[in-house]
Amino acid sequence: MSGLSNSGPGAGHRGWVDSHCHLPMLEDDAVAVVGRARAAGVIGMVCVGTDLESSVASVADSARFPDVRATVGLHPHDAARLDAEWEGLCELAASDVVVGVGETGFDLYYTNSPPVDQERSFRRHVQLARRLGRALVVHSRDAWDDTFRVLEEEGVPEPTVLHCFTGGPDMARRALALGMFLSFSGIVSFKNADDVRAAAAVTPLDRLLVETDAPFLAPIPHRGQPNEPAFVVDVGRALASAAGLAVAEVAEATRANAVTVFGLTL
């Protein structure tokens, strides 16, 4: 990744990394989106695949932009398509611009794919991440016990990220005890997210990541707008407030952690 400017003179840090976004889902052209992110002080973006098509597009964006890297995976919503897409995902995962496997895991809020298919897909992703030595990116919604059960049975790959963390401090401690990184989204800025803020407050600096999950979950003051990587700066500020830390300290720590987790060069 190329070195880019920070958030402006006196910012006290080298810039932000959006550890989880979906550039192919954004309505605006990726050139404009990436340009706005750079102008806001974002020096790196991890573009996350949710099926074979979006994983191919994420890899293509990574080839276009030196400050974007990709993950490939099958979202739990689409886990029923595992047999049809897995071979292609495995081939794609070998690309030099791919830094992670997922997002994968459980979503028992919607169950767009049957839970048995979600578990089968999740286990396959865990095994692939370990085999390739790549980060595992985990989605867990209404499924903490199942998520931890599979990770404990399969063995937690090093590193593993719980993306868009929505649990409280008890779930945070459980994940941290297994060596995971916790990635906080715009939810940390929402008025009704006291549990998430409490989880942020108990997460050590060396386990924090910050993300947009763009185009979803735009943080305050952008609620109601499509989210985009430039807004990770606002997520980071809300995370710093929740954790009782300086903004520059959170920016530096989350940048360093992204480098560790995804092997980025910043």
Protein backbone atom coordinates (compact mmCIF):
# COMPACT_ATOMS: atom_id res chain seq x y z
CA MET A 1 0.00 0.00 0.00
CA SER A 2 1.18 3.47 -0.74
CA GLY A 3 1.84 5.95 2.04
CA LEU A 4 -0.76 8.72 2.03
CA SER A 5 -1.31 11.89 4.01
CA ASN A 6 -2.76 11.81 7.50
CA SER A 7 -5.85 13.65 8.69
CA GLY A 8 -4.14 17.02 8.42
CA PRO A 9 -1.46 19.08 10.12
CA GLY A 10 -1.21 18.34 13.80
CA ALA A 11 -3.34 15.21 13.59
CA GLY A 12 -0.72 13.33 15.61
CA HIS A 13 -1.06 10.08 13.68
CA ARG A 14 -0.33 8.58 10.28
CA GLY A 15 -3.91 7.98 9.20
CA TRP A 16 -6.81 5.57 9.50
CA VAL A 17 -7.38 2.07 8.13
CA ASP A 18 -10.91 0.94 7.31
CA SER A 19 -10.59 -2.74 8.19
CA HIS A 20 -13.89 -3.79 6.60
CA CYS A 21 -15.76 -2.22 3.68
CA HIS A 22 -17.58 -3.36 0.54
CA LEU A 23 -16.51 -1.10 -2.34
CA PRO A 24 -18.39 -3.12 -5.01
CA MET A 25 -21.67 -2.43 -3.18
CA LEU A 26 -21.28 1.36 -3.22
CA GLU A 27 -23.25 3.29 -5.80
CA ASP A 28 -20.47 5.80 -6.49
CA ASP A 29 -17.52 4.90 -8.68
CA ALA A 30 -14.69 3.38 -6.67
CA VAL A 31 -12.28 6.06 -7.90
CA ALA A 32 -14.41 8.77 -6.29
CA VAL A 33 -14.96 6.75 -3.09
CA VAL A 34 -11.27 5.98 -2.66
CA GLY A 35 -10.40 9.59 -3.44
CA ARG A 36 -12.70 10.89 -0.70
CA ALA A 37 -11.26 8.37 1.75
CA ARG A 38 -7.72 9.49 1.01
CA ALA A 39 -8.71 13.14 1.41
CA ALA A 40 -10.21 12.30 4.83
CA GLY A 41 -6.96 10.72 6.01
CA VAL A 42 -7.67 7.06 5.29
CA ILE A 43 -4.45 5.32 4.26
CA GLY A 44 -5.75 1.78 3.83
CA MET A 45 -8.97 -0.11 3.12
CA VAL A 46 -9.77 -3.82 3.36
CA CYS A 47 -12.46 -4.68 0.81
CA VAL A 48 -14.36 -7.74 1.98
CA GLY A 49 -15.90 -10.41 -0.23
CA THR A 50 -19.30 -11.91 0.59
CA ASP A 51 -19.63 -14.37 -2.31
CA LEU A 52 -17.64 -15.34 -5.40
CA GLU A 53 -18.82 -12.39 -7.49
CA SER A 54 -18.07 -9.75 -4.85
CA SER A 55 -14.77 -11.44 -4.00
CA VAL A 56 -13.70 -11.23 -7.64
CA ALA A 57 -14.70 -7.54 -7.64
CA SER A 58 -12.82 -6.91 -4.39
CA VAL A 59 -9.66 -8.46 -5.81
CA ALA A 60 -10.08 -6.32 -8.93
CA ASP A 61 -10.36 -3.17 -6.82
CA SER A 62 -7.24 -4.20 -4.93
CA ALA A 63 -5.38 -4.48 -8.21
CA ARG A 64 -6.56 -0.97 -9.16
CA PHE A 65 -5.70 0.82 -5.91
CA PRO A 66 -2.45 0.36 -3.96
CA ASP A 67 -4.17 1.28 -0.69
CA VAL A 68 -6.94 -1.34 -1.03
CA ARG A 69 -6.58 -5.02 -0.21
CA ALA A 70 -9.15 -7.80 -0.42
CA THR A 71 -10.63 -10.70 1.47
CA VAL A 72 -12.57 -13.50 -0.18
CA GLY A 73 -15.40 -15.46 1.35
CA LEU A 74 -19.02 -16.51 1.48
CA HIS A 75 -21.29 -14.57 3.85
CA PRO A 76 -23.50 -16.74 6.09
CA HIS A 77 -26.51 -15.40 4.19
CA ASP A 78 -25.18 -17.23 1.11
CA ALA A 79 -23.70 -20.28 2.81
CA ALA A 80 -26.07 -22.60 0.94
CA ARG A 81 -24.05 -21.80 -2.21
CA LEU A 82 -20.85 -23.26 -0.73
CA ASP A 83 -20.53 -26.22 -3.08
CA ALA A 84 -21.11 -24.08 -6.17
CA GLU A 85 -18.64 -21.33 -5.23
CA TRP A 86 -16.01 -22.84 -2.95
CA GLU A 87 -13.52 -23.96 -5.59
CA GLY A 88 -13.51 -20.50 -7.17
CA LEU A 89 -13.06 -18.83 -3.79
CA CYS A 90 -10.11 -21.07 -2.95
CA GLU A 91 -8.41 -20.24 -6.23
CA LEU A 92 -9.01 -16.54 -5.67
CA ALA A 93 -7.70 -16.70 -2.11
CA ALA A 94 -4.23 -17.48 -3.42
CA SER A 95 -3.94 -14.00 -5.00
CA ASP A 96 -1.19 -11.73 -3.69
CA VAL A 97 -3.68 -8.94 -2.94
CA VAL A 98 -5.87 -11.17 -0.75
CA VAL A 99 -5.17 -10.63 2.95
CA GLY A 100 -8.00 -12.52 4.59
CA VAL A 101 -10.66 -15.23 4.38
CA GLY A 102 -14.28 -14.26 4.99
CA GLU A 103 -16.53 -12.77 5.93
CA THR A 104 -17.93 -15.99 7.26
CA GLY A 105 -19.69 -17.21 10.37
CA PHE A 106 -23.29 -17.26 11.55
CA ASP A 107 -26.28 -14.98 11.05
CA LEU A 108 -29.18 -16.46 12.97
CA TYR A 109 -31.18 -13.22 12.86
CA TYR A 110 -32.17 -13.69 9.22
CA THR A 111 -31.20 -17.36 8.54
CA ASN A 112 -31.17 -16.70 4.79
CA SER A 113 -29.21 -19.96 4.65
CA PRO A 114 -30.03 -22.85 7.01
CA PRO A 115 -27.88 -22.93 10.15
CA VAL A 116 -26.43 -26.32 9.17
CA ASP A 117 -25.16 -24.79 5.91
CA GLN A 118 -23.77 -21.78 7.77
CA GLU A 119 -21.81 -24.04 10.10
CA ARG A 120 -20.45 -26.15 7.27
CA SER A 121 -19.32 -23.06 5.38
CA PHE A 122 -17.82 -21.47 8.51
CA ARG A 123 -15.74 -24.55 9.27
CA ARG A 124 -14.45 -24.64 5.70
CA HIS A 125 -13.39 -20.98 5.91
CA VAL A 126 -11.62 -21.53 9.24
CA GLN A 127 -9.66 -24.39 7.74
CA LEU A 128 -8.75 -22.35 4.64
CA ALA A 129 -7.57 -19.38 6.70
CA ARG A 130 -5.30 -21.62 8.73
CA ARG A 131 -3.97 -23.42 5.64
CA LEU A 132 -3.12 -20.15 3.87
CA GLY A 133 -1.93 -18.29 6.98
CA ARG A 134 -4.47 -15.52 6.31
CA ALA A 135 -6.66 -13.56 8.69
CA LEU A 136 -10.12 -14.96 9.35
CA VAL A 137 -12.95 -12.38 9.22
CA VAL A 138 -15.97 -13.48 11.25
CA HIS A 139 -19.58 -12.29 11.08
CA SER A 140 -21.70 -13.21 14.12
CA ARG A 141 -25.27 -12.04 14.62
CA ASP A 142 -27.53 -13.59 17.26
CA ALA A 143 -25.10 -16.50 17.29
CA TRP A 144 -22.42 -16.02 19.93
CA ASP A 145 -22.56 -19.53 21.37
CA ASP A 146 -22.46 -21.19 17.95
CA THR A 147 -19.68 -18.91 16.77
CA PHE A 148 -17.47 -19.61 19.77
CA ARG A 149 -18.29 -23.32 19.68
CA VAL A 150 -17.08 -23.73 16.10
CA LEU A 151 -13.98 -21.61 16.67
CA GLU A 152 -13.06 -23.57 19.79
CA GLU A 153 -13.62 -26.90 18.03
CA GLU A 154 -11.71 -25.95 14.88
CA GLY A 155 -9.06 -23.85 16.63
CA VAL A 156 -8.98 -20.07 16.31
CA PRO A 157 -6.75 -19.03 13.39
CA GLU A 158 -4.14 -16.44 14.17
CA PRO A 159 -5.24 -13.76 13.56
CA THR A 160 -9.04 -13.78 13.73
CA VAL A 161 -11.26 -10.67 13.58
CA LEU A 162 -14.79 -10.38 14.94
CA HIS A 163 -16.05 -7.78 12.50
CA CYS A 164 -18.75 -5.22 13.37
CA PHE A 165 -18.64 -6.25 17.00
CA THR A 166 -22.08 -5.89 18.58
CA GLY A 167 -21.66 -7.69 21.89
CA GLY A 168 -21.27 -6.31 25.36
CA PRO A 169 -18.22 -6.47 27.63
CA ASP A 170 -18.76 -10.12 28.59
CA MET A 171 -18.70 -11.24 24.95
CA ALA A 172 -15.72 -8.99 24.34
CA ARG A 173 -13.79 -10.66 27.15
CA ARG A 174 -14.75 -14.10 25.82
CA ALA A 175 -13.43 -13.24 22.37
CA LEU A 176 -10.30 -11.60 23.73
CA ALA A 177 -9.54 -14.68 25.82
CA LEU A 178 -9.41 -16.65 22.55
CA GLY A 179 -6.94 -14.16 21.08
CA MET A 180 -9.32 -12.38 18.70
CA PHE A 181 -9.29 -8.80 17.47
CA LEU A 182 -12.52 -6.79 17.80
CA SER A 183 -13.49 -4.46 14.97
CA PHE A 184 -15.93 -1.67 15.83
CA SER A 185 -18.26 -0.08 13.27
CA GLY A 186 -20.48 2.99 13.25
CA ILE A 187 -22.73 1.22 15.75
CA VAL A 188 -20.34 2.44 18.46
CA SER A 189 -21.69 5.96 17.77
CA PHE A 190 -25.40 5.01 17.98
CA LYS A 191 -27.42 6.30 20.93
CA ASN A 192 -28.75 2.85 21.88
CA ALA A 193 -25.35 1.10 21.77
CA ASP A 194 -24.20 1.41 25.37
CA ASP A 195 -23.21 -2.28 25.49
CA VAL A 196 -20.99 -1.86 22.45
CA ARG A 197 -19.33 1.19 23.98
CA ALA A 198 -18.80 -0.77 27.19
CA ALA A 199 -17.16 -3.53 25.15
CA ALA A 200 -14.87 -0.99 23.52
CA ALA A 201 -13.86 0.28 26.94
CA VAL A 202 -12.62 -3.17 28.02
CA THR A 203 -10.79 -3.98 24.77
CA PRO A 204 -7.03 -3.44 24.93
CA LEU A 205 -5.53 -1.05 22.40
CA ASP A 206 -3.57 -3.85 20.76
CA ARG A 207 -6.81 -5.72 19.91
CA LEU A 208 -8.85 -2.84 18.47
CA LEU A 209 -9.78 -2.36 14.83
CA VAL A 210 -12.08 0.21 13.25
CA GLU A 211 -14.32 -0.26 10.22
CA THR A 212 -17.20 1.21 8.26
CA ASP A 213 -18.86 -1.94 6.84
CA ALA A 214 -19.72 0.48 4.01
CA PRO A 215 -22.27 0.95 2.53
CA PHE A 216 -24.01 -0.09 5.77
CA LEU A 217 -24.15 1.42 9.28
CA ALA A 218 -23.11 5.00 8.61
CA PRO A 219 -21.94 6.59 11.86
CA ILE A 220 -23.24 9.75 13.44
CA PRO A 221 -23.25 12.42 11.94
CA HIS A 222 -23.89 10.59 8.64
CA ARG A 223 -26.92 8.50 9.64
CA GLY A 224 -29.32 8.04 6.75
CA GLN A 225 -26.55 8.28 4.15
CA PRO A 226 -24.78 5.42 2.39
CA ASN A 227 -21.68 4.68 4.41
CA GLU A 228 -18.22 4.92 2.82
CA PRO A 229 -14.60 4.47 3.92
CA ALA A 230 -14.07 8.21 4.46
CA PHE A 231 -16.47 7.96 7.41
CA VAL A 232 -14.15 5.61 9.29
CA VAL A 233 -12.65 8.79 10.76
CA ASP A 234 -15.97 9.45 12.52
CA VAL A 235 -16.18 5.84 13.67
CA GLY A 236 -12.68 6.19 15.09
CA ARG A 237 -13.61 9.33 16.99
CA ALA A 238 -16.66 7.62 18.50
CA LEU A 239 -14.54 4.61 19.42
CA ALA A 240 -11.97 6.86 21.10
CA SER A 241 -14.72 8.53 23.12
CA ALA A 242 -16.16 5.16 24.19
CA ALA A 243 -12.75 3.85 25.21
CA GLY A 244 -11.73 7.06 26.97
CA LEU A 245 -8.69 7.47 24.72
CA ALA A 246 -7.22 10.20 22.55
CA VAL A 247 -8.31 10.08 18.91
CA ALA A 248 -4.70 10.03 17.71
CA GLU A 249 -3.94 7.11 20.03
CA VAL A 250 -6.83 5.09 18.60
CA ALA A 251 -5.85 5.95 15.03
CA GLU A 252 -2.27 4.82 15.59
CA ALA A 253 -3.24 1.65 17.43
CA THR A 254 -5.88 0.56 14.92
CA ARG A 255 -3.48 1.28 12.03
CA ALA A 256 -0.77 -0.82 13.68
CA ASN A 257 -3.25 -3.60 14.42
CA ALA A 258 -4.47 -3.64 10.80
CA VAL A 259 -0.85 -4.01 9.71
CA THR A 260 -0.46 -6.95 12.10
CA VAL A 261 -3.73 -8.66 11.21
CA PHE A 262 -3.70 -8.22 7.44
CA GLY A 263 0.00 -7.88 6.74
CA LEU A 264 -0.46 -4.43 5.23
CA THR A 265 2.44 -2.20 4.26
CA LEU A 266 1.66 1.33 5.41
